Amino acid sequence: MESSTDAIVTVSLDSIFTSWNKGAEQIFGYAADEILGKKVSILEPENLRVDIKQLVEQVKRGKKIKHYESSRLKKDGTIVIISGTLSPVLDTSGKLVAISAIARDITERKRTEETLRNFEIARKKEIHHRIKNNLQVISSLLDLQAEKLKDRKNISDSEVQTAFKQSMDRVLSISFIHEELYKGKNNELLTFSQYVKEFVENLILTYKLESDVSYNFDLEENIFLDMDTAIPLGIIINELVTNSFKYAFSGRDEGEIRIKLHREEGESKIKDGKSTTFILSVADNGVGIPEDLEIEDLNSLGLQLVTTLVEQLDGELDLKRDNGTEFIIRFSVTENENPLSVIAP
């Protein structure tokens, strides 16, 4: 009893402590000579006295109480959470003469469980928040598509099918982000370079291209972006690549699409945090966009989305038209607002 780290005590039938080991002294703070002869109520928080009395009554009726969890008052007035066992003490004739109690301090364990519980609640809230935001993005994309078609008097079935296909591709770009996100060890950051490769390869497989189109990736490794940055970028890449599929290689037997993503050299300071600037380039060697045609004048929902999303990222969009078409997007991520690991050591 004296070598045990658990509290092992004996209580008389009128609720007086009659034995008290070193473990009890360590857990509750009372030395044996301070507590022997005292009522058990000295350890009882006011709100638990009825519950403890009921447990004692059950033991008096011969029942053994195993592993119940409860709170007790320490000598210094703080609360300790214990896992306890109450057992009847019988004399040689089988008559109940006392109650034996063993208590283990589980305060730290319960605090850890509470912390993990709160973390899990917060994680679920964050997941629901992400889903809600992504559904709002999808809803907005569908609204834009519907707005583009509603004023048309004559719409062919093929145009409707094309509109649905475009909407599916945009939703797919978001779903690929989630898939890649949960592959990684960090559920907050996306390995963006890997996502771009897998997503574009999937787009090429799903499109029935008349031309033989190859693709070239020049993506800096170990770029990690969070959802607020990754989703707009994913949709931008989807729009620009599919735009090349549809228009760049008309009347040609083959073509090439090039996608580059690199960190700009040097770091600038924004407010109290570091800002890392990236350059994203999506280019093709197709027929190109005429010099006298501005992006804003193009009747394309996809390019309207691109310009809107670049503005959402506080980025800059540039268009080059020599030897095909190249869209260059420059954007920055502030580390204290958007957790970002740009280059692994």
Protein backbone atom coordinates (compact mmCIF):
# COMPACT_ATOMS: atom_id res chain seq x y z
CA MET A 1 0.00 0.00 0.00
CA GLU A 2 2.73 2.48 0.92
CA SER A 3 4.69 1.91 -2.31
CA SER A 4 1.64 2.38 -4.58
CA THR A 5 1.26 5.63 -6.51
CA ASP A 6 -2.51 5.14 -6.36
CA ALA A 7 -4.44 6.44 -3.36
CA ILE A 8 -5.51 3.48 -1.19
CA VAL A 9 -7.71 4.44 1.76
CA THR A 10 -10.25 2.93 4.12
CA VAL A 11 -13.45 4.64 5.21
CA SER A 12 -15.63 3.64 8.16
CA LEU A 13 -19.36 3.11 7.75
CA ASP A 14 -19.98 6.60 9.14
CA SER A 15 -17.72 8.05 6.39
CA ILE A 16 -14.56 8.67 8.45
CA PHE A 17 -11.08 8.07 7.00
CA THR A 18 -9.37 5.29 8.94
CA SER A 19 -6.35 4.60 6.71
CA TRP A 20 -4.39 6.74 4.23
CA ASN A 21 -1.33 5.76 2.20
CA LYS A 22 1.50 7.78 0.62
CA GLY A 23 -0.21 7.65 -2.78
CA ALA A 24 -3.24 9.41 -1.30
CA GLU A 25 -0.96 12.06 0.20
CA GLN A 26 0.65 12.68 -3.20
CA ILE A 27 -2.67 12.89 -5.05
CA PHE A 28 -4.74 14.91 -2.58
CA GLY A 29 -2.06 16.85 -0.70
CA TYR A 30 -3.05 15.80 2.83
CA ALA A 31 -0.64 13.96 5.14
CA ALA A 32 -2.13 11.00 7.03
CA ASP A 33 -2.14 12.84 10.38
CA GLU A 34 -4.08 15.71 8.78
CA ILE A 35 -6.92 13.61 7.43
CA LEU A 36 -7.35 10.46 9.54
CA GLY A 37 -10.51 10.88 11.61
CA LYS A 38 -11.93 13.44 9.15
CA LYS A 39 -15.13 13.05 7.13
CA VAL A 40 -14.84 12.04 3.44
CA SER A 41 -16.72 15.24 2.63
CA ILE A 42 -13.38 17.08 2.98
CA LEU A 43 -12.55 15.78 -0.51
CA GLU A 44 -16.00 16.22 -2.03
CA PRO A 45 -16.82 19.12 -4.36
CA GLU A 46 -20.17 20.62 -3.43
CA ASN A 47 -21.86 19.59 -6.67
CA LEU A 48 -20.88 15.89 -6.29
CA ARG A 49 -21.85 15.11 -2.69
CA VAL A 50 -25.16 13.48 -3.63
CA ASP A 51 -23.50 11.32 -6.31
CA ILE A 52 -20.76 10.12 -3.92
CA LYS A 53 -23.30 9.36 -1.21
CA GLN A 54 -25.24 7.19 -3.65
CA LEU A 55 -22.07 5.26 -4.54
CA VAL A 56 -21.32 4.63 -0.87
CA GLU A 57 -24.86 3.37 -0.31
CA GLN A 58 -24.42 0.87 -3.16
CA VAL A 59 -21.21 -0.44 -1.54
CA LYS A 60 -22.98 -0.78 1.83
CA ARG A 61 -25.44 -3.07 0.05
CA GLY A 62 -22.49 -5.30 -0.94
CA LYS A 63 -21.85 -3.99 -4.47
CA LYS A 64 -18.32 -3.34 -5.73
CA ILE A 65 -17.95 -0.15 -7.84
CA LYS A 66 -15.21 -0.42 -10.48
CA HIS A 67 -13.46 2.32 -12.45
CA TYR A 68 -15.88 5.17 -11.87
CA GLU A 69 -14.60 8.62 -12.80
CA SER A 70 -15.21 11.62 -10.59
CA SER A 71 -13.70 14.86 -9.29
CA ARG A 72 -12.17 15.47 -5.85
CA LEU A 73 -10.93 18.51 -3.95
CA LYS A 74 -7.24 18.68 -3.14
CA LYS A 75 -5.87 20.38 -0.03
CA ASP A 76 -4.96 23.48 -2.06
CA GLY A 77 -8.55 23.78 -3.33
CA THR A 78 -7.86 22.60 -6.89
CA ILE A 79 -9.77 19.79 -8.55
CA VAL A 80 -8.24 16.42 -9.35
CA ILE A 81 -9.99 13.90 -11.61
CA ILE A 82 -9.77 10.33 -10.38
CA SER A 83 -10.65 6.86 -11.60
CA GLY A 84 -11.81 4.98 -8.54
CA THR A 85 -12.86 1.60 -7.21
CA LEU A 86 -14.98 1.11 -4.09
CA SER A 87 -15.09 -2.27 -2.38
CA PRO A 88 -16.82 -3.55 0.78
CA VAL A 89 -14.56 -4.64 3.67
CA LEU A 90 -16.06 -7.65 5.50
CA ASP A 91 -15.13 -9.25 8.81
CA THR A 92 -14.71 -13.01 9.30
CA SER A 93 -18.44 -13.45 9.70
CA GLY A 94 -19.13 -11.66 6.40
CA LYS A 95 -20.42 -8.48 8.02
CA LEU A 96 -19.67 -5.15 6.34
CA VAL A 97 -17.31 -3.14 8.60
CA ALA A 98 -15.73 -0.56 6.26
CA ILE A 99 -15.25 0.58 2.67
CA SER A 100 -11.96 0.34 0.79
CA ALA A 101 -11.28 2.94 -1.92
CA ILE A 102 -8.54 2.98 -4.56
CA ALA A 103 -8.15 6.14 -6.67
CA ARG A 104 -5.85 6.93 -9.59
CA ASP A 105 -5.12 10.47 -10.72
CA ILE A 106 -6.26 10.76 -14.36
CA THR A 107 -6.35 14.56 -14.55
CA GLU A 108 -3.69 14.87 -17.26
CA ARG A 109 -5.22 12.07 -19.29
CA LYS A 110 -8.66 13.73 -19.18
CA ARG A 111 -7.17 17.09 -20.13
CA THR A 112 -5.42 15.48 -23.08
CA GLU A 113 -8.66 13.78 -24.13
CA GLU A 114 -10.49 17.12 -23.86
CA THR A 115 -7.81 18.83 -25.96
CA LEU A 116 -8.04 16.11 -28.62
CA ARG A 117 -11.84 16.31 -28.51
CA ASN A 118 -11.73 20.09 -29.01
CA PHE A 119 -9.19 19.64 -31.81
CA GLU A 120 -11.44 17.12 -33.52
CA ILE A 121 -14.42 19.46 -33.21
CA ALA A 122 -12.37 22.30 -34.68
CA ARG A 123 -11.15 20.03 -37.49
CA LYS A 124 -14.70 18.99 -38.37
CA LYS A 125 -15.81 22.63 -38.36
CA GLU A 126 -12.93 23.47 -40.69
CA ILE A 127 -13.87 20.61 -43.04
CA HIS A 128 -17.51 21.75 -43.08
CA HIS A 129 -16.32 25.30 -43.73
CA ARG A 130 -14.21 24.14 -46.66
CA ILE A 131 -17.04 22.09 -48.13
CA LYS A 132 -19.43 25.02 -47.77
CA ASN A 133 -16.97 27.39 -49.47
CA ASN A 134 -16.32 24.94 -52.30
CA LEU A 135 -20.04 24.38 -52.85
CA GLN A 136 -20.45 28.15 -53.03
CA VAL A 137 -17.70 28.28 -55.65
CA ILE A 138 -19.42 25.53 -57.65
CA SER A 139 -22.76 27.31 -57.34
CA SER A 140 -21.21 30.55 -58.61
CA LEU A 141 -19.62 28.74 -61.57
CA LEU A 142 -22.97 27.20 -62.51
CA ASP A 143 -24.67 30.60 -62.14
CA LEU A 144 -22.16 32.14 -64.52
CA GLN A 145 -22.71 29.35 -67.04
CA ALA A 146 -26.51 29.69 -66.77
CA GLU A 147 -26.27 33.48 -67.15
CA LYS A 148 -24.31 33.05 -70.35
CA LEU A 149 -26.99 30.78 -71.86
CA LYS A 150 -30.21 32.35 -70.58
CA ASP A 151 -30.43 35.18 -73.14
CA ARG A 152 -29.89 32.84 -76.06
CA LYS A 153 -33.10 32.16 -78.00
CA ASN A 154 -31.87 29.13 -79.89
CA ILE A 155 -29.53 26.74 -78.09
CA SER A 156 -28.51 23.44 -79.61
CA ASP A 157 -28.13 20.23 -77.68
CA SER A 158 -24.41 20.21 -78.39
CA GLU A 159 -24.04 23.66 -76.82
CA VAL A 160 -25.84 22.50 -73.68
CA GLN A 161 -23.64 19.39 -73.55
CA THR A 162 -20.54 21.57 -73.95
CA ALA A 163 -21.71 23.84 -71.12
CA PHE A 164 -22.22 20.85 -68.84
CA LYS A 165 -18.81 19.44 -69.81
CA GLN A 166 -17.14 22.75 -68.97
CA SER A 167 -18.89 22.88 -65.60
CA MET A 168 -17.87 19.29 -64.86
CA ASP A 169 -14.22 20.13 -65.61
CA ARG A 170 -14.32 23.07 -63.21
CA VAL A 171 -15.81 20.95 -60.44
CA LEU A 172 -13.24 18.23 -61.23
CA SER A 173 -10.39 20.70 -60.72
CA ILE A 174 -11.68 21.30 -57.17
CA SER A 175 -12.17 17.59 -56.46
CA PHE A 176 -8.60 16.85 -57.59
CA ILE A 177 -7.35 19.44 -55.12
CA HIS A 178 -9.15 17.65 -52.28
CA GLU A 179 -7.87 14.26 -53.42
CA GLU A 180 -4.26 15.48 -53.56
CA LEU A 181 -4.68 17.35 -50.25
CA TYR A 182 -5.68 14.25 -48.31
CA LYS A 183 -2.97 12.12 -49.87
CA GLY A 184 -0.37 14.17 -48.02
CA LYS A 185 0.63 14.08 -44.39
CA ASN A 186 -0.38 17.72 -43.90
CA ASN A 187 -4.12 18.17 -44.40
CA GLU A 188 -3.75 21.94 -44.54
CA LEU A 189 -1.31 22.27 -47.45
CA LEU A 190 -1.44 20.93 -51.00
CA THR A 191 1.60 19.70 -52.95
CA PHE A 192 0.65 21.91 -55.86
CA SER A 193 3.18 20.79 -58.48
CA GLN A 194 2.03 17.17 -58.17
CA TYR A 195 -1.60 18.27 -58.38
CA VAL A 196 -0.98 20.19 -61.63
CA LYS A 197 0.65 17.17 -63.29
CA GLU A 198 -2.10 14.72 -62.35
CA PHE A 199 -4.92 17.11 -63.14
CA VAL A 200 -3.66 18.14 -66.59
CA GLU A 201 -2.90 14.52 -67.52
CA ASN A 202 -6.48 13.64 -66.58
CA LEU A 203 -7.83 16.53 -68.69
CA ILE A 204 -5.93 15.27 -71.73
CA LEU A 205 -7.39 11.79 -71.24
CA THR A 206 -10.96 13.08 -70.99
CA TYR A 207 -10.81 15.43 -74.01
CA LYS A 208 -11.20 13.93 -77.48
CA LEU A 209 -8.65 15.99 -79.38
CA GLU A 210 -8.39 15.91 -83.14
CA SER A 211 -4.76 17.08 -82.94
CA ASP A 212 -1.87 15.24 -81.35
CA VAL A 213 -1.18 17.51 -78.38
CA SER A 214 1.84 16.99 -76.11
CA TYR A 215 2.48 18.75 -72.83
CA ASN A 216 5.57 20.01 -71.09
CA PHE A 217 5.82 20.66 -67.34
CA ASP A 218 8.39 22.91 -65.73
CA LEU A 219 7.21 22.95 -62.13
CA GLU A 220 9.32 23.81 -59.12
CA GLU A 221 9.14 20.96 -56.62
CA ASN A 222 8.03 21.27 -53.00
CA ILE A 223 5.60 24.12 -53.47
CA PHE A 224 2.84 23.83 -50.88
CA LEU A 225 -0.27 26.01 -51.03
CA ASP A 226 -3.37 26.17 -48.88
CA MET A 227 -6.94 25.84 -50.14
CA ASP A 228 -7.63 29.56 -50.52
CA THR A 229 -4.81 29.83 -53.04
CA ALA A 230 -4.91 26.36 -54.61
CA ILE A 231 -8.57 26.35 -55.67
CA PRO A 232 -8.49 29.60 -57.71
CA LEU A 233 -5.19 28.53 -59.29
CA GLY A 234 -6.59 25.09 -60.12
CA ILE A 235 -9.60 26.62 -61.87
CA ILE A 236 -7.33 29.09 -63.73
CA ILE A 237 -5.15 26.26 -65.06
CA ASN A 238 -8.25 24.28 -66.04
CA GLU A 239 -9.65 27.22 -68.03
CA LEU A 240 -6.40 28.03 -69.82
CA VAL A 241 -5.54 24.42 -70.71
CA THR A 242 -9.06 23.60 -71.95
CA ASN A 243 -9.06 26.88 -73.90
CA SER A 244 -5.92 25.69 -75.69
CA PHE A 245 -7.55 22.31 -76.36
CA LYS A 246 -10.57 23.95 -77.96
CA TYR A 247 -9.06 26.77 -80.01
CA ALA A 248 -5.27 26.69 -80.27
CA PHE A 249 -4.75 23.77 -82.63
CA SER A 250 -7.67 24.07 -85.01
CA GLY A 251 -6.61 22.77 -88.43
CA ARG A 252 -3.28 21.48 -87.09
CA ASP A 253 -2.07 17.92 -86.72
CA GLU A 254 -0.08 18.50 -83.53
CA GLY A 255 0.71 21.03 -80.83
CA GLU A 256 2.27 21.55 -77.45
CA ILE A 257 1.04 22.97 -74.14
CA ARG A 258 3.63 24.21 -71.64
CA ILE A 259 2.96 24.84 -67.96
CA LYS A 260 5.55 26.51 -65.72
CA LEU A 261 5.36 27.39 -62.04
CA HIS A 262 8.32 28.93 -60.23
CA ARG A 263 9.06 31.12 -57.29
CA GLU A 264 10.31 34.56 -58.22
CA GLU A 265 13.83 35.22 -57.01
CA GLY A 266 14.08 37.15 -53.72
CA GLU A 267 11.50 37.78 -51.02
CA SER A 268 9.69 40.99 -50.22
CA LYS A 269 8.21 42.10 -46.92
CA ILE A 270 4.48 42.71 -46.59
CA LYS A 271 3.32 44.08 -43.23
CA ASP A 272 4.70 41.79 -40.53
CA GLY A 273 5.15 38.66 -42.62
CA LYS A 274 7.19 37.39 -45.55
CA SER A 275 5.64 37.34 -48.99
CA THR A 276 6.66 34.83 -51.64
CA THR A 277 5.90 35.66 -55.26
CA PHE A 278 5.20 33.00 -57.90
CA ILE A 279 5.06 33.08 -61.67
CA LEU A 280 2.58 30.73 -63.36
CA SER A 281 2.75 30.39 -67.13
CA VAL A 282 0.32 28.43 -69.34
CA ALA A 283 1.36 28.53 -73.00
CA ASP A 284 0.70 26.79 -76.31
CA ASN A 285 2.26 26.97 -79.77
CA GLY A 286 -1.11 27.16 -81.50
CA VAL A 287 -2.76 29.70 -83.78
CA GLY A 288 -2.66 32.44 -81.12
CA ILE A 289 -4.97 35.35 -80.31
CA PRO A 290 -4.96 38.28 -82.79
CA GLU A 291 -2.97 41.33 -81.62
CA ASP A 292 -5.96 43.65 -81.95
CA LEU A 293 -8.15 41.54 -79.64
CA GLU A 294 -8.11 42.23 -75.90
CA ILE A 295 -8.90 39.56 -73.28
CA GLU A 296 -11.75 41.67 -71.93
CA ASP A 297 -13.40 41.66 -75.36
CA LEU A 298 -13.35 37.89 -75.78
CA ASN A 299 -16.80 36.32 -75.39
CA SER A 300 -15.46 33.48 -73.25
CA LEU A 301 -16.74 32.59 -69.82
CA GLY A 302 -13.49 30.73 -69.15
CA LEU A 303 -11.31 33.79 -69.74
CA GLN A 304 -13.72 35.94 -67.73
CA LEU A 305 -13.24 33.47 -64.88
CA VAL A 306 -9.46 33.66 -65.27
CA THR A 307 -9.37 37.45 -64.99
CA THR A 308 -11.76 37.39 -62.01
CA LEU A 309 -9.75 34.73 -60.15
CA VAL A 310 -6.44 36.50 -60.82
CA GLU A 311 -7.97 39.62 -59.24
CA GLN A 312 -9.14 37.46 -56.30
CA LEU A 313 -5.51 36.42 -55.77
CA ASP A 314 -4.40 40.08 -56.04
CA GLY A 315 -2.30 38.92 -58.96
CA GLU A 316 -1.27 40.31 -62.33
CA LEU A 317 -2.20 38.80 -65.71
CA ASP A 318 -0.11 39.28 -68.83
CA LEU A 319 -0.72 37.90 -72.32
CA LYS A 320 2.01 37.16 -74.90
CA ARG A 321 1.05 36.30 -78.48
CA ASP A 322 4.34 35.46 -80.21
CA ASN A 323 4.57 31.84 -81.41
CA GLY A 324 1.16 30.92 -80.01
CA THR A 325 -0.38 32.16 -76.79
CA GLU A 326 1.13 32.50 -73.32
CA PHE A 327 -0.76 33.57 -70.20
CA ILE A 328 1.54 34.73 -67.40
CA ILE A 329 0.15 35.13 -63.90
CA ARG A 330 2.17 36.71 -61.12
CA PHE A 331 0.81 36.32 -57.57
CA SER A 332 2.11 36.53 -54.02
CA VAL A 333 1.34 34.59 -50.86
CA THR A 334 1.86 36.15 -47.44
CA GLU A 335 3.05 33.52 -44.96
CA ASN A 336 1.40 34.97 -41.86
CA GLU A 337 -1.99 34.94 -43.60
CA ASN A 338 -1.63 31.86 -45.75
CA PRO A 339 0.53 29.04 -44.29
CA LEU A 340 2.97 28.30 -47.07
CA SER A 341 6.14 26.27 -47.32
CA VAL A 342 7.70 27.24 -50.62
CA ILE A 343 10.93 25.28 -50.67
CA ALA A 344 11.81 22.29 -48.53
CA PRO A 345 15.28 22.53 -46.96
